[in-house]
Amino acid sequence: MPPTKIVSLVDPALDIEAMGSDLNRYIESRDVKLVKEAPGARLQWITLRDIKTSTWSSFVSVGASDSEQRRRAFMVAVESVDNLVDREGKLRAGLTTGTQRYMTPGGEMRVWSDAEIDELFAPAIVEDVGEVARVRAIVPFGSELRLVPPPSSLAALLARVRRRAVALGSELDRSAALKETQGAKSSPSGDAPTAAPATGTATESPAEPPTP
């Protein structure tokens, strides 16, 4: 497969609310035409190169677990990263493949070292992007990509959805309280008191005695 650009599912600049139902499609396909950027934020664009069959067999597939295979796939597949925010909060406009040299059956290639990955990338990013790289490496050529994100990606995404739901609930509570306050201020407060209805019954005066 040719190199392709993706945005991680856990990228905080991904506007999951604006994407709506397209988010489900993006989870499976990673079709960047579905991506929406949050206002005032910058998406982290990651370019993935093809993992050769020989590299898959000799390096990626020998990982002892799915997580280790994702990390190895990330190391060899990530070609460049734009708009990376590092651990210190600094924006890196563009980073290219890491400095470590790795010998493959097809020759030497530059990959990301463990130290570079630990310094620059959050574990959830490595897991998510590594899974995309891993699946791209093993599906038959010309096949439609259908991804099942790793648990860490779904957990991070669910946490964002929950935070948004809590924030939305707080906004609704504040709006309801404001309306109640405004309603109380607009109601009349100086109405004249009304006379209470009579509760007794009038009695007749006693008749005067007749004059003799």
Foldseek 3Di string as FASTA:
>chain_A
DAKDKAFFLLFPQWPPVVLPPVNVVCQWARPCVSTDGHPPDDTKIWIWGAQDPQCCVPWLVPQPDLLSSLLRLQFQTTAKIAQFQWPVRDTDGMDGADDDWDQTPVGIDGTHDPVRCVGGHDSLRSQRVSQVSVQSHPDDPPDRTTDDGDPSSVVSNVVVVVVVVVVVVVVVVVVVVVVVVVVVVPDDDDDDDDDDDDDDDDDDDDDDDDDD
